[in-house]
N, C-alpha and C. Protein backbone atom coordinates (compact mmCIF):
# COMPACT_ATOMS: atom_id res chain seq x y z
N MET A 1 45.26 136.50 143.59
CA MET A 1 44.61 135.94 142.45
C MET A 1 45.51 135.98 141.21
N LYS A 2 46.18 137.11 140.95
CA LYS A 2 47.08 137.23 139.82
C LYS A 2 48.26 136.28 139.97
N THR A 3 48.71 136.10 141.19
CA THR A 3 49.82 135.19 141.45
C THR A 3 49.42 133.76 141.12
N ASP A 4 48.22 133.35 141.53
CA ASP A 4 47.72 132.00 141.23
C ASP A 4 47.61 131.78 139.73
N LEU A 5 47.11 132.80 139.03
CA LEU A 5 46.96 132.71 137.57
C LEU A 5 48.34 132.58 136.90
N ALA A 6 49.31 133.33 137.34
CA ALA A 6 50.66 133.28 136.78
C ALA A 6 51.30 131.92 137.06
N LEU A 7 51.11 131.41 138.26
CA LEU A 7 51.64 130.08 138.60
C LEU A 7 50.98 128.99 137.76
N ALA A 8 49.68 129.10 137.57
CA ALA A 8 48.95 128.13 136.76
C ALA A 8 49.46 128.15 135.32
N ARG A 9 49.69 129.35 134.79
CA ARG A 9 50.21 129.47 133.43
C ARG A 9 51.61 128.86 133.31
N GLN A 10 52.44 129.09 134.28
CA GLN A 10 53.79 128.50 134.28
C GLN A 10 53.71 126.98 134.32
N GLU A 11 52.81 126.47 135.15
CA GLU A 11 52.65 125.02 135.26
C GLU A 11 52.14 124.44 133.94
N ILE A 12 51.18 125.12 133.33
CA ILE A 12 50.65 124.66 132.03
C ILE A 12 51.75 124.66 130.98
N THR A 13 52.56 125.70 130.95
CA THR A 13 53.67 125.77 130.00
C THR A 13 54.65 124.63 130.24
N ALA A 14 54.98 124.37 131.49
CA ALA A 14 55.91 123.28 131.83
C ALA A 14 55.32 121.93 131.43
N LEU A 15 54.03 121.74 131.68
CA LEU A 15 53.38 120.48 131.32
C LEU A 15 53.35 120.28 129.80
N ARG A 16 53.12 121.35 129.07
CA ARG A 16 53.12 121.25 127.60
C ARG A 16 54.51 120.88 127.08
N GLU A 17 55.53 121.50 127.66
CA GLU A 17 56.90 121.18 127.25
C GLU A 17 57.23 119.72 127.55
N GLU A 18 56.82 119.25 128.73
CA GLU A 18 57.06 117.85 129.10
C GLU A 18 56.32 116.91 128.15
N ARG A 19 55.06 117.28 127.83
CA ARG A 19 54.26 116.47 126.90
C ARG A 19 54.96 116.38 125.54
N ASP A 20 55.46 117.50 125.03
CA ASP A 20 56.13 117.52 123.74
C ASP A 20 57.40 116.66 123.76
N LYS A 21 58.15 116.73 124.85
CA LYS A 21 59.36 115.91 124.97
C LYS A 21 59.01 114.42 124.98
N LEU A 22 57.95 114.06 125.71
CA LEU A 22 57.54 112.65 125.77
C LEU A 22 57.04 112.17 124.41
N LYS A 23 56.30 113.02 123.71
CA LYS A 23 55.83 112.64 122.37
C LYS A 23 57.00 112.40 121.43
N ASP A 24 58.01 113.26 121.50
CA ASP A 24 59.19 113.10 120.65
C ASP A 24 59.93 111.81 120.99
N ALA A 25 60.04 111.51 122.29
CA ALA A 25 60.72 110.28 122.71
C ALA A 25 59.98 109.05 122.20
N VAL A 26 58.65 109.07 122.28
CA VAL A 26 57.85 107.93 121.80
C VAL A 26 58.01 107.79 120.29
N ARG A 27 58.01 108.90 119.56
CA ARG A 27 58.19 108.85 118.10
C ARG A 27 59.55 108.24 117.74
N ARG A 28 60.59 108.68 118.43
CA ARG A 28 61.93 108.15 118.16
C ARG A 28 61.99 106.65 118.44
N GLN A 29 61.42 106.24 119.56
CA GLN A 29 61.45 104.83 119.92
C GLN A 29 60.66 104.00 118.91
N LEU A 30 59.50 104.48 118.51
CA LEU A 30 58.70 103.76 117.51
C LEU A 30 59.44 103.69 116.18
N GLY A 31 60.08 104.79 115.79
CA GLY A 31 60.86 104.79 114.56
C GLY A 31 62.00 103.78 114.60
N GLN A 32 62.68 103.68 115.73
CA GLN A 32 63.77 102.71 115.88
C GLN A 32 63.23 101.28 115.78
N GLN A 33 62.09 101.02 116.40
CA GLN A 33 61.49 99.69 116.34
C GLN A 33 61.11 99.34 114.91
N LEU A 34 60.54 100.29 114.20
CA LEU A 34 60.17 100.04 112.80
C LEU A 34 61.41 99.82 111.95
N ASP A 35 62.47 100.56 112.20
CA ASP A 35 63.72 100.37 111.46
C ASP A 35 64.29 98.99 111.70
N GLN A 36 64.22 98.52 112.94
CA GLN A 36 64.75 97.19 113.26
C GLN A 36 63.97 96.10 112.56
N VAL A 37 62.65 96.23 112.49
CA VAL A 37 61.84 95.24 111.79
C VAL A 37 62.20 95.25 110.32
N GLY A 38 62.30 96.43 109.73
CA GLY A 38 62.67 96.54 108.32
C GLY A 38 64.05 96.02 108.05
N THR A 39 64.98 96.23 108.96
CA THR A 39 66.35 95.77 108.79
C THR A 39 66.40 94.25 108.77
N GLY A 40 65.64 93.61 109.63
CA GLY A 40 65.62 92.14 109.65
C GLY A 40 65.09 91.57 108.35
N GLU A 41 64.03 92.17 107.83
CA GLU A 41 63.47 91.70 106.57
C GLU A 41 64.45 91.94 105.42
N LEU A 42 65.11 93.08 105.43
CA LEU A 42 66.09 93.37 104.38
C LEU A 42 67.27 92.40 104.45
N ALA A 43 67.71 92.09 105.65
CA ALA A 43 68.83 91.14 105.80
C ALA A 43 68.43 89.77 105.26
N ALA A 44 67.21 89.34 105.55
CA ALA A 44 66.74 88.05 105.04
C ALA A 44 66.68 88.06 103.51
N ARG A 45 66.22 89.16 102.95
CA ARG A 45 66.12 89.27 101.49
C ARG A 45 67.51 89.27 100.86
N ILE A 46 68.46 89.95 101.49
CA ILE A 46 69.83 89.97 100.98
C ILE A 46 70.42 88.57 101.02
N ASP A 47 70.18 87.83 102.10
CA ASP A 47 70.66 86.45 102.20
C ASP A 47 70.07 85.58 101.08
N GLU A 48 68.77 85.73 100.83
CA GLU A 48 68.10 84.96 99.78
C GLU A 48 68.69 85.29 98.41
N LEU A 49 68.88 86.58 98.13
CA LEU A 49 69.44 86.98 96.84
C LEU A 49 70.88 86.51 96.69
N SER A 50 71.64 86.52 97.77
CA SER A 50 73.02 86.03 97.72
C SER A 50 73.04 84.53 97.42
N ARG A 51 72.12 83.79 98.03
CA ARG A 51 72.04 82.35 97.78
C ARG A 51 71.69 82.09 96.32
N GLN A 52 70.69 82.82 95.81
CA GLN A 52 70.29 82.65 94.41
C GLN A 52 71.44 83.01 93.48
N ASN A 53 72.17 84.06 93.81
CA ASN A 53 73.30 84.47 92.99
C ASN A 53 74.36 83.37 92.94
N ALA A 54 74.64 82.76 94.09
CA ALA A 54 75.63 81.68 94.14
C ALA A 54 75.17 80.49 93.29
N GLU A 55 73.88 80.15 93.38
CA GLU A 55 73.35 79.04 92.57
C GLU A 55 73.47 79.34 91.08
N LEU A 56 73.09 80.54 90.68
CA LEU A 56 73.14 80.91 89.27
C LEU A 56 74.58 80.98 88.77
N THR A 57 75.47 81.45 89.61
CA THR A 57 76.88 81.50 89.22
C THR A 57 77.43 80.09 89.01
N ALA A 58 77.08 79.19 89.91
CA ALA A 58 77.53 77.80 89.78
C ALA A 58 76.94 77.16 88.52
N GLU A 59 75.68 77.45 88.25
CA GLU A 59 75.03 76.91 87.05
C GLU A 59 75.70 77.46 85.79
N ARG A 60 75.97 78.76 85.79
CA ARG A 60 76.64 79.38 84.64
C ARG A 60 78.02 78.77 84.42
N ASP A 61 78.76 78.60 85.52
CA ASP A 61 80.10 78.02 85.41
C ASP A 61 80.05 76.60 84.87
N ALA A 62 79.06 75.84 85.32
CA ALA A 62 78.92 74.47 84.82
C ALA A 62 78.61 74.46 83.33
N LEU A 63 77.76 75.36 82.91
CA LEU A 63 77.41 75.44 81.49
C LEU A 63 78.60 75.94 80.67
N THR A 64 79.35 76.86 81.21
CA THR A 64 80.51 77.40 80.52
C THR A 64 81.58 76.32 80.36
N ARG A 65 81.75 75.52 81.41
CA ARG A 65 82.74 74.44 81.32
C ARG A 65 82.32 73.42 80.27
N GLY A 66 81.02 73.19 80.13
CA GLY A 66 80.54 72.21 79.15
C GLY A 66 80.58 72.73 77.73
N THR A 67 80.59 74.00 77.52
CA THR A 67 80.49 74.57 76.18
C THR A 67 81.71 74.30 75.31
N PRO A 68 82.93 74.53 75.79
CA PRO A 68 84.07 74.31 74.89
C PRO A 68 84.17 72.88 74.39
N SER A 69 83.95 71.92 75.25
CA SER A 69 84.03 70.53 74.78
C SER A 69 82.91 70.24 73.80
N GLY A 70 81.75 70.84 74.02
CA GLY A 70 80.65 70.66 73.08
C GLY A 70 80.99 71.27 71.73
N ARG A 71 81.67 72.39 71.72
CA ARG A 71 82.08 73.02 70.46
C ARG A 71 83.13 72.18 69.75
N ARG A 72 84.03 71.60 70.53
CA ARG A 72 85.07 70.77 69.93
C ARG A 72 84.48 69.50 69.35
N SER A 73 83.45 68.96 70.00
CA SER A 73 82.91 67.70 69.52
C SER A 73 81.98 67.89 68.33
N LEU A 74 81.49 69.12 68.11
CA LEU A 74 80.59 69.36 66.98
C LEU A 74 81.26 69.07 65.64
N PRO A 75 82.47 69.56 65.38
CA PRO A 75 83.13 69.20 64.10
C PRO A 75 83.34 67.70 63.96
N ARG A 76 83.66 67.04 65.08
CA ARG A 76 83.82 65.57 65.03
C ARG A 76 82.52 64.91 64.60
N ARG A 77 81.43 65.40 65.17
CA ARG A 77 80.12 64.83 64.82
C ARG A 77 79.81 65.07 63.34
N ARG A 78 80.15 66.23 62.85
CA ARG A 78 79.91 66.52 61.43
C ARG A 78 80.73 65.58 60.54
N ARG A 79 82.00 65.41 60.89
CA ARG A 79 82.84 64.51 60.10
C ARG A 79 82.31 63.08 60.13
N THR A 80 81.87 62.65 61.31
CA THR A 80 81.31 61.31 61.45
C THR A 80 80.04 61.19 60.61
N GLY A 81 79.21 62.21 60.66
CA GLY A 81 77.97 62.20 59.86
C GLY A 81 78.27 62.18 58.38
N THR A 82 79.29 62.92 57.96
CA THR A 82 79.69 62.93 56.54
C THR A 82 80.20 61.57 56.13
N ARG A 83 81.03 60.94 56.97
CA ARG A 83 81.55 59.59 56.66
C ARG A 83 80.42 58.58 56.55
N LEU A 84 79.46 58.68 57.49
CA LEU A 84 78.34 57.75 57.44
C LEU A 84 77.51 57.95 56.18
N ALA A 85 77.31 59.21 55.79
CA ALA A 85 76.53 59.50 54.57
C ALA A 85 77.24 58.96 53.35
N ARG A 86 78.56 59.12 53.30
CA ARG A 86 79.33 58.60 52.16
C ARG A 86 79.30 57.07 52.12
N ALA A 87 79.40 56.49 53.32
CA ALA A 87 79.39 55.03 53.39
C ALA A 87 78.06 54.46 52.94
N CYS A 88 76.98 55.12 53.33
CA CYS A 88 75.64 54.67 52.94
C CYS A 88 75.41 54.91 51.44
N ALA A 89 75.96 55.98 50.90
CA ALA A 89 75.76 56.30 49.48
C ALA A 89 76.65 55.45 48.59
N GLY A 90 77.77 55.06 49.09
CA GLY A 90 78.75 54.41 48.23
C GLY A 90 78.70 52.96 48.26
C-alpha cells in the first residue's frame, strides 16, 4: 500500500511538471504569434509614415525652390507698381 501511494505521488509530480512545461510552451508560442501580428502592423505603419515623409519632403522642396524666385520678383513688382502709380499721377 505504501509503495502504491509513493508511486502515485511520483506520477502526480511528473504529470504536474509535464503540465507546467506544456503551459510554458503554449505561452511562448502565443507570445510569438502576437509579436508577429504586431510586427506586421508596425511595418505597415512605418511604410505609411515613410511615404508621407517622402511626400512632405517633396512638397517642401518644391516650395523652397519657388521661394527665391518669388523673393526676387517682389522688388520688381514693387518697382512696376511705383512706375504705374507715377504714370497715373503724372
